[in-house]
Structures are given as structure tokens and as C-alpha cells.
Amino acid sequence: MVNYISKPAYQAAKHVGIINGHNLRAYAGPLAFWGVATVFTIGVYTEAWPRFRSAFYKKIPVY
């Protein structure tokens, strides 16, 4: 005979490894800074590549 569960038992995880709400708030600023710096660096190094120029840079609206 099969026993069925009427509804799943959910539990909220307080943390996943060392990642929790406090650590995410503490690292939000540096992560945002390095994310913007990474995108800027990729933009600088791929500016002269024709494929990137035609695929991405021509489609950026400049007013």
C-alpha cells in the first residue's frame, strides 16, 4: 500500500553554507562595484572586435 502525503512540508533555510542575509548585505556594495568594473573591462577589451561591434555596440541607444 502506498502512503500519500497531503501537502509537502516546507521549511525556510536560515542559511546556505556561509551565505545568509547578513553576509549578503555586507558584500552587496563590493559585489556591485566589481560587477560594474567587470562589465566596463569587457566593454573596453571587446570594443575593437567587429563581431561585438555589430552585435552589441551598434544597438546601444545613444541620445
C-alpha atoms as a PDB file:
ATOM      1  CA  MET A   1       0.000   0.000   0.000  1.00  0.00           C
ATOM      2  CA  VAL A   2       1.274   3.479  -0.885  1.00  0.00           C
ATOM      3  CA  ASN A   3       1.175   6.238   1.696  1.00  0.00           C
ATOM      4  CA  TYR A   4       0.462   9.661   0.214  1.00  0.00           C
ATOM      5  CA  ILE A   5       1.365  12.986   1.805  1.00  0.00           C
ATOM      6  CA  SER A   6      -1.407  15.564   1.627  1.00  0.00           C
ATOM      7  CA  LYS A   7       0.949  18.528   1.289  1.00  0.00           C
ATOM      8  CA  PRO A   8       4.707  18.996   1.297  1.00  0.00           C
ATOM      9  CA  ALA A   9       6.380  20.164   4.482  1.00  0.00           C
ATOM     10  CA  TYR A  10       8.339  23.327   3.649  1.00  0.00           C
ATOM     11  CA  GLN A  11      10.938  24.814   5.934  1.00  0.00           C
ATOM     12  CA  ALA A  12      12.755  28.091   5.430  1.00  0.00           C
ATOM     13  CA  ALA A  13      16.511  27.746   5.314  1.00  0.00           C
ATOM     14  CA  LYS A  14      18.277  30.172   7.624  1.00  0.00           C
ATOM     15  CA  HIS A  15      21.481  29.938   5.589  1.00  0.00           C
ATOM     16  CA  VAL A  16      23.047  28.054   2.727  1.00  0.00           C
ATOM     17  CA  GLY A  17      26.616  27.283   3.726  1.00  0.00           C
ATOM     18  CA  ILE A  18      28.065  30.626   4.820  1.00  0.00           C
ATOM     19  CA  ILE A  19      25.595  32.650   2.739  1.00  0.00           C
ATOM     20  CA  ASN A  20      22.908  34.333   4.830  1.00  0.00           C
ATOM     21  CA  GLY A  21      21.127  37.666   4.837  1.00  0.00           C
ATOM     22  CA  HIS A  22      23.751  39.474   6.901  1.00  0.00           C
ATOM     23  CA  ASN A  23      26.625  38.329   4.674  1.00  0.00           C
ATOM     24  CA  LEU A  24      24.729  39.291   1.509  1.00  0.00           C
ATOM     25  CA  ARG A  25      24.094  42.802   2.833  1.00  0.00           C
ATOM     26  CA  ALA A  26      27.730  43.133   3.892  1.00  0.00           C
ATOM     27  CA  TYR A  27      29.041  42.132   0.452  1.00  0.00           C
ATOM     28  CA  ALA A  28      26.425  43.915  -1.697  1.00  0.00           C
ATOM     29  CA  GLY A  29      28.500  47.071  -2.207  1.00  0.00           C
ATOM     30  CA  PRO A  30      31.779  45.392  -3.175  1.00  0.00           C
ATOM     31  CA  LEU A  31      29.972  42.874  -5.399  1.00  0.00           C
ATOM     32  CA  ALA A  32      28.163  45.679  -7.230  1.00  0.00           C
ATOM     33  CA  PHE A  33      31.437  47.588  -7.664  1.00  0.00           C
ATOM     34  CA  TRP A  34      33.298  44.587  -9.070  1.00  0.00           C
ATOM     35  CA  GLY A  35      30.351  43.671 -11.290  1.00  0.00           C
ATOM     36  CA  VAL A  36      30.298  47.134 -12.865  1.00  0.00           C
ATOM     37  CA  ALA A  37      34.098  47.080 -13.203  1.00  0.00           C
ATOM     38  CA  THR A  38      33.926  43.695 -14.941  1.00  0.00           C
ATOM     39  CA  VAL A  39      31.312  44.876 -17.438  1.00  0.00           C
ATOM     40  CA  PHE A  40      33.352  48.021 -18.121  1.00  0.00           C
ATOM     41  CA  THR A  41      36.522  45.973 -18.671  1.00  0.00           C
ATOM     42  CA  ILE A  42      34.768  43.594 -21.055  1.00  0.00           C
ATOM     43  CA  GLY A  43      33.454  46.606 -22.945  1.00  0.00           C
ATOM     44  CA  VAL A  44      36.916  48.143 -23.252  1.00  0.00           C
ATOM     45  CA  TYR A  45      38.583  44.966 -24.480  1.00  0.00           C
ATOM     46  CA  THR A  46      35.846  43.996 -26.952  1.00  0.00           C
ATOM     47  CA  GLU A  47      35.337  47.462 -28.441  1.00  0.00           C
ATOM     48  CA  ALA A  48      37.592  46.787 -31.441  1.00  0.00           C
ATOM     49  CA  TRP A  49      36.175  43.329 -32.264  1.00  0.00           C
ATOM     50  CA  PRO A  50      33.924  43.579 -35.339  1.00  0.00           C
ATOM     51  CA  ARG A  51      31.540  40.871 -34.173  1.00  0.00           C
ATOM     52  CA  PHE A  52      30.903  42.610 -30.845  1.00  0.00           C
ATOM     53  CA  ARG A  53      30.640  45.969 -32.568  1.00  0.00           C
ATOM     54  CA  SER A  54      27.935  44.775 -34.963  1.00  0.00           C
ATOM     55  CA  ALA A  55      26.103  42.569 -32.457  1.00  0.00           C
ATOM     56  CA  PHE A  56      26.078  44.754 -29.345  1.00  0.00           C
ATOM     57  CA  TYR A  57      27.546  48.228 -29.619  1.00  0.00           C
ATOM     58  CA  LYS A  58      25.528  49.387 -32.634  1.00  0.00           C
ATOM     59  CA  LYS A  59      22.328  48.521 -30.772  1.00  0.00           C
ATOM     60  CA  ILE A  60      23.045  50.686 -27.712  1.00  0.00           C
ATOM     61  CA  PRO A  61      20.870  53.799 -27.941  1.00  0.00           C
ATOM     62  CA  VAL A  62      22.899  56.997 -27.582  1.00  0.00           C
ATOM     63  CA  TYR A  63      20.877  60.178 -27.239  1.00  0.00           C
END
